[in-house]
Amino acid sequence: MTAAGAFHSLFQYKAWSESELFKILVESPSTLTAPNLADALWHLAHINIVDNLFIGRLLGNPMPCTTTTSEEPQQISDLSLKFTETNNWFVSYTKSVTATELEQRVHFIFADGKPGNMSKSEILSHVLSHGLLHRGMVSGLIPFVAAEGWQDHFTTFLKH
């Protein structure tokens, strides 16, 4: 499998995993305490903000930003729609990206004001690992997920 093919498969997994997570949040909100739900939605909003910042960078719009978080209250339905749009973009992008494009460098400014310089493959790797980290934090906030046997594994996705 090529690097581009691997990225495409991993972004399909990301889209599936996050879609499944939103289904759980929509179907079982009464089992979450208000602080846990607010924290979970904060992490999810953060994932989406960072994902969209890096979409801009991949498109050649290396806009500076001052924050990667939002203090605005989040709604599950709004975030779910944003995730679907963002994940569809990444799946489409990785379907056609070439090996040459993956090695191209992108220069930008990080939120802390420091300069950034990453290859497109490094950007895609960061988006994947960053999302996985925060999805793990979210799953820790919703204990019923573990009890119901939900598995956020790449191998689980591959079985579908």
C-alpha atoms as a PDB file:
ATOM      1  CA  MET A   1       0.000   0.000   0.000  1.00  0.00           C
ATOM      2  CA  THR A   2       1.257   3.474  -0.820  1.00  0.00           C
ATOM      3  CA  ALA A   3       1.492   6.253   1.749  1.00  0.00           C
ATOM      4  CA  ALA A   4      -1.385   8.023   0.018  1.00  0.00           C
ATOM      5  CA  GLY A   5      -3.448   4.819   0.180  1.00  0.00           C
ATOM      6  CA  ALA A   6      -2.662   4.421   3.870  1.00  0.00           C
ATOM      7  CA  PHE A   7      -3.698   8.007   4.587  1.00  0.00           C
ATOM      8  CA  HIS A   8      -6.930   7.488   2.673  1.00  0.00           C
ATOM      9  CA  SER A   9      -7.764   4.375   4.696  1.00  0.00           C
ATOM     10  CA  LEU A  10      -6.871   6.077   7.982  1.00  0.00           C
ATOM     11  CA  PHE A  11      -9.013   9.115   7.204  1.00  0.00           C
ATOM     12  CA  GLN A  12     -11.920   6.830   6.344  1.00  0.00           C
ATOM     13  CA  TYR A  13     -11.364   5.239   9.760  1.00  0.00           C
ATOM     14  CA  LYS A  14     -11.271   8.686  11.411  1.00  0.00           C
ATOM     15  CA  ALA A  15     -14.580   9.609   9.765  1.00  0.00           C
ATOM     16  CA  TRP A  16     -16.166   6.304  10.834  1.00  0.00           C
ATOM     17  CA  SER A  17     -14.877   6.533  14.398  1.00  0.00           C
ATOM     18  CA  GLU A  18     -16.040  10.078  14.935  1.00  0.00           C
ATOM     19  CA  SER A  19     -19.424   9.335  13.364  1.00  0.00           C
ATOM     20  CA  GLU A  20     -19.857   6.391  15.740  1.00  0.00           C
ATOM     21  CA  LEU A  21     -18.864   8.567  18.690  1.00  0.00           C
ATOM     22  CA  PHE A  22     -21.490  11.160  17.786  1.00  0.00           C
ATOM     23  CA  LYS A  23     -24.132   8.424  17.502  1.00  0.00           C
ATOM     24  CA  ILE A  24     -23.320   7.378  21.059  1.00  0.00           C
ATOM     25  CA  LEU A  25     -23.465  10.965  22.308  1.00  0.00           C
ATOM     26  CA  VAL A  26     -26.839  11.552  20.625  1.00  0.00           C
ATOM     27  CA  GLU A  27     -28.344   8.249  21.780  1.00  0.00           C
ATOM     28  CA  SER A  28     -27.207   8.398  25.410  1.00  0.00           C
ATOM     29  CA  PRO A  29     -26.901  12.028  26.563  1.00  0.00           C
ATOM     30  CA  SER A  30     -28.843  11.382  29.780  1.00  0.00           C
ATOM     31  CA  THR A  31     -26.068   9.110  31.066  1.00  0.00           C
ATOM     32  CA  LEU A  32     -23.553  11.960  30.970  1.00  0.00           C
ATOM     33  CA  THR A  33     -23.146  14.491  33.726  1.00  0.00           C
ATOM     34  CA  ALA A  34     -23.356  18.094  32.524  1.00  0.00           C
ATOM     35  CA  PRO A  35     -19.655  18.779  33.224  1.00  0.00           C
ATOM     36  CA  ASN A  36     -18.571  15.589  31.427  1.00  0.00           C
ATOM     37  CA  LEU A  37     -20.722  16.399  28.404  1.00  0.00           C
ATOM     38  CA  ALA A  38     -19.400  19.964  28.295  1.00  0.00           C
ATOM     39  CA  ASP A  39     -15.817  18.677  28.520  1.00  0.00           C
ATOM     40  CA  ALA A  40     -16.438  16.078  25.814  1.00  0.00           C
ATOM     41  CA  LEU A  41     -17.916  18.706  23.500  1.00  0.00           C
ATOM     42  CA  TRP A  42     -14.996  21.049  24.237  1.00  0.00           C
ATOM     43  CA  HIS A  43     -12.513  18.358  23.139  1.00  0.00           C
ATOM     44  CA  LEU A  44     -14.552  17.614  20.025  1.00  0.00           C
ATOM     45  CA  ALA A  45     -14.756  21.314  19.102  1.00  0.00           C
ATOM     46  CA  HIS A  46     -10.985  21.545  19.569  1.00  0.00           C
ATOM     47  CA  ILE A  47     -10.435  18.597  17.214  1.00  0.00           C
ATOM     48  CA  ASN A  48     -12.589  20.255  14.567  1.00  0.00           C
ATOM     49  CA  ILE A  49     -10.914  23.653  14.905  1.00  0.00           C
ATOM     50  CA  VAL A  50      -7.467  22.094  14.499  1.00  0.00           C
ATOM     51  CA  ASP A  51      -8.637  19.903  11.601  1.00  0.00           C
ATOM     52  CA  ASN A  52      -9.944  22.974   9.785  1.00  0.00           C
ATOM     53  CA  LEU A  53      -6.804  24.996  10.464  1.00  0.00           C
ATOM     54  CA  PHE A  54      -4.763  22.273   8.826  1.00  0.00           C
ATOM     55  CA  ILE A  55      -7.196  22.016   5.895  1.00  0.00           C
ATOM     56  CA  GLY A  56      -6.484  25.702   5.305  1.00  0.00           C
ATOM     57  CA  ARG A  57      -2.768  25.041   5.464  1.00  0.00           C
ATOM     58  CA  LEU A  58      -3.028  22.140   3.007  1.00  0.00           C
ATOM     59  CA  LEU A  59      -4.949  24.418   0.646  1.00  0.00           C
ATOM     60  CA  GLY A  60      -2.221  27.048   0.833  1.00  0.00           C
ATOM     61  CA  ASN A  61      -3.977  29.345   3.274  1.00  0.00           C
ATOM     62  CA  PRO A  62      -1.501  29.145   6.146  1.00  0.00           C
ATOM     63  CA  MET A  63      -3.468  31.676   8.151  1.00  0.00           C
ATOM     64  CA  PRO A  64      -2.258  32.479  11.588  1.00  0.00           C
ATOM     65  CA  CYS A  65      -4.623  31.825  14.452  1.00  0.00           C
ATOM     66  CA  THR A  66      -4.667  32.926  18.041  1.00  0.00           C
ATOM     67  CA  THR A  67      -6.551  29.996  19.533  1.00  0.00           C
ATOM     68  CA  THR A  68      -7.423  26.383  18.826  1.00  0.00           C
ATOM     69  CA  THR A  69     -10.267  26.277  21.310  1.00  0.00           C
ATOM     70  CA  SER A  70     -13.718  27.750  21.704  1.00  0.00           C
ATOM     71  CA  GLU A  71     -15.328  28.834  24.923  1.00  0.00           C
ATOM     72  CA  GLU A  72     -18.725  28.967  23.196  1.00  0.00           C
ATOM     73  CA  PRO A  73     -21.176  26.283  24.346  1.00  0.00           C
ATOM     74  CA  GLN A  74     -21.244  23.440  21.826  1.00  0.00           C
ATOM     75  CA  GLN A  75     -24.232  21.540  20.482  1.00  0.00           C
ATOM     76  CA  ILE A  76     -23.870  17.863  19.563  1.00  0.00           C
ATOM     77  CA  SER A  77     -25.847  18.228  16.315  1.00  0.00           C
ATOM     78  CA  ASP A  78     -23.812  21.231  15.135  1.00  0.00           C
ATOM     79  CA  LEU A  79     -20.501  19.556  15.905  1.00  0.00           C
ATOM     80  CA  SER A  80     -21.607  16.334  14.231  1.00  0.00           C
ATOM     81  CA  LEU A  81     -22.372  18.227  11.019  1.00  0.00           C
ATOM     82  CA  LYS A  82     -19.037  20.078  11.166  1.00  0.00           C
ATOM     83  CA  PHE A  83     -17.190  16.777  11.667  1.00  0.00           C
ATOM     84  CA  THR A  84     -18.984  15.177   8.725  1.00  0.00           C
ATOM     85  CA  GLU A  85     -18.031  18.069   6.439  1.00  0.00           C
ATOM     86  CA  THR A  86     -14.434  18.147   7.620  1.00  0.00           C
ATOM     87  CA  ASN A  87     -13.969  14.381   7.468  1.00  0.00           C
ATOM     88  CA  ASN A  88     -15.503  14.264   3.980  1.00  0.00           C
ATOM     89  CA  TRP A  89     -12.918  16.827   2.900  1.00  0.00           C
ATOM     90  CA  PHE A  90     -10.018  14.745   4.262  1.00  0.00           C
ATOM     91  CA  VAL A  91     -11.343  11.515   2.719  1.00  0.00           C
ATOM     92  CA  SER A  92     -11.702  13.242  -0.652  1.00  0.00           C
ATOM     93  CA  TYR A  93      -8.278  14.896  -0.372  1.00  0.00           C
ATOM     94  CA  THR A  94      -6.466  11.678   0.528  1.00  0.00           C
ATOM     95  CA  LYS A  95      -8.199   9.808  -2.284  1.00  0.00           C
ATOM     96  CA  SER A  96      -6.389  11.897  -4.882  1.00  0.00           C
ATOM     97  CA  VAL A  97      -3.241  13.202  -3.178  1.00  0.00           C
ATOM     98  CA  THR A  98       0.008  12.100  -4.827  1.00  0.00           C
ATOM     99  CA  ALA A  99       3.279  10.979  -3.270  1.00  0.00           C
ATOM    100  CA  THR A 100       4.937  14.125  -4.600  1.00  0.00           C
ATOM    101  CA  GLU A 101       2.278  16.329  -2.982  1.00  0.00           C
ATOM    102  CA  LEU A 102       2.676  14.512   0.334  1.00  0.00           C
ATOM    103  CA  GLU A 103       6.329  15.582   0.476  1.00  0.00           C
ATOM    104  CA  GLN A 104       5.624  19.262  -0.264  1.00  0.00           C
ATOM    105  CA  ARG A 105       6.479  21.610   2.602  1.00  0.00           C
ATOM    106  CA  VAL A 106       3.929  24.024   4.031  1.00  0.00           C
ATOM    107  CA  HIS A 107       5.025  27.142   5.912  1.00  0.00           C
ATOM    108  CA  PHE A 108       2.625  28.726   8.407  1.00  0.00           C
ATOM    109  CA  ILE A 109       2.340  30.292  11.848  1.00  0.00           C
ATOM    110  CA  PHE A 110       1.240  28.189  14.837  1.00  0.00           C
ATOM    111  CA  ALA A 111      -1.291  29.543  17.346  1.00  0.00           C
ATOM    112  CA  ASP A 112       1.572  30.369  19.731  1.00  0.00           C
ATOM    113  CA  GLY A 113       3.065  32.674  17.083  1.00  0.00           C
ATOM    114  CA  LYS A 114       5.991  30.413  16.227  1.00  0.00           C
ATOM    115  CA  PRO A 115       6.680  29.501  12.610  1.00  0.00           C
ATOM    116  CA  GLY A 116       5.588  26.115  11.331  1.00  0.00           C
ATOM    117  CA  ASN A 117       7.126  24.104   8.526  1.00  0.00           C
ATOM    118  CA  MET A 118       5.681  20.649   7.880  1.00  0.00           C
ATOM    119  CA  SER A 119       5.336  18.351   4.918  1.00  0.00           C
ATOM    120  CA  LYS A 120       1.793  17.555   3.874  1.00  0.00           C
ATOM    121  CA  SER A 121       2.315  13.995   5.099  1.00  0.00           C
ATOM    122  CA  GLU A 122       3.383  15.351   8.498  1.00  0.00           C
ATOM    123  CA  ILE A 123       0.257  17.523   8.586  1.00  0.00           C
ATOM    124  CA  LEU A 124      -1.969  14.544   7.811  1.00  0.00           C
ATOM    125  CA  SER A 125      -0.169  12.460  10.442  1.00  0.00           C
ATOM    126  CA  HIS A 126      -0.659  15.213  13.008  1.00  0.00           C
ATOM    127  CA  VAL A 127      -4.377  15.549  12.230  1.00  0.00           C
ATOM    128  CA  LEU A 128      -4.822  11.791  12.688  1.00  0.00           C
ATOM    129  CA  SER A 129      -2.850  11.496  15.926  1.00  0.00           C
ATOM    130  CA  HIS A 130      -4.302  14.697  17.386  1.00  0.00           C
ATOM    131  CA  GLY A 131      -7.864  13.518  16.770  1.00  0.00           C
ATOM    132  CA  LEU A 132      -7.134  10.094  18.223  1.00  0.00           C
ATOM    133  CA  LEU A 133      -5.660  11.643  21.367  1.00  0.00           C
ATOM    134  CA  HIS A 134      -8.718  13.803  22.004  1.00  0.00           C
ATOM    135  CA  ARG A 135     -11.218  11.046  21.103  1.00  0.00           C
ATOM    136  CA  GLY A 136      -9.510   9.001  23.793  1.00  0.00           C
ATOM    137  CA  MET A 137     -10.043  11.822  26.253  1.00  0.00           C
ATOM    138  CA  VAL A 138     -13.712  12.003  25.257  1.00  0.00           C
ATOM    139  CA  SER A 139     -14.208   8.269  25.699  1.00  0.00           C
ATOM    140  CA  GLY A 140     -12.790   8.610  29.213  1.00  0.00           C
ATOM    141  CA  LEU A 141     -15.478  11.172  29.996  1.00  0.00           C
ATOM    142  CA  ILE A 142     -18.320   8.893  28.913  1.00  0.00           C
ATOM    143  CA  PRO A 143     -18.001   5.721  30.988  1.00  0.00           C
ATOM    144  CA  PHE A 144     -20.991   3.978  29.407  1.00  0.00           C
ATOM    145  CA  VAL A 145     -18.984   3.655  26.197  1.00  0.00           C
ATOM    146  CA  ALA A 146     -16.640   1.108  27.754  1.00  0.00           C
ATOM    147  CA  ALA A 147     -19.539  -0.729  29.352  1.00  0.00           C
ATOM    148  CA  GLU A 148     -21.278  -1.096  25.987  1.00  0.00           C
ATOM    149  CA  GLY A 149     -18.140  -2.497  24.361  1.00  0.00           C
ATOM    150  CA  TRP A 150     -17.555   0.330  21.888  1.00  0.00           C
ATOM    151  CA  GLN A 151     -14.183  -0.093  20.269  1.00  0.00           C
ATOM    152  CA  ASP A 152     -12.476   2.816  18.561  1.00  0.00           C
ATOM    153  CA  HIS A 153      -9.953   0.607  16.779  1.00  0.00           C
ATOM    154  CA  PHE A 154      -8.679   0.691  13.238  1.00  0.00           C
ATOM    155  CA  THR A 155      -9.098  -3.098  13.111  1.00  0.00           C
ATOM    156  CA  THR A 156     -12.763  -2.758  14.154  1.00  0.00           C
ATOM    157  CA  PHE A 157     -13.265  -0.310  11.281  1.00  0.00           C
ATOM    158  CA  LEU A 158     -11.602  -2.688   8.826  1.00  0.00           C
ATOM    159  CA  LYS A 159     -14.100  -5.432   9.720  1.00  0.00           C
ATOM    160  CA  HIS A 160     -17.001  -3.294   8.428  1.00  0.00           C
END
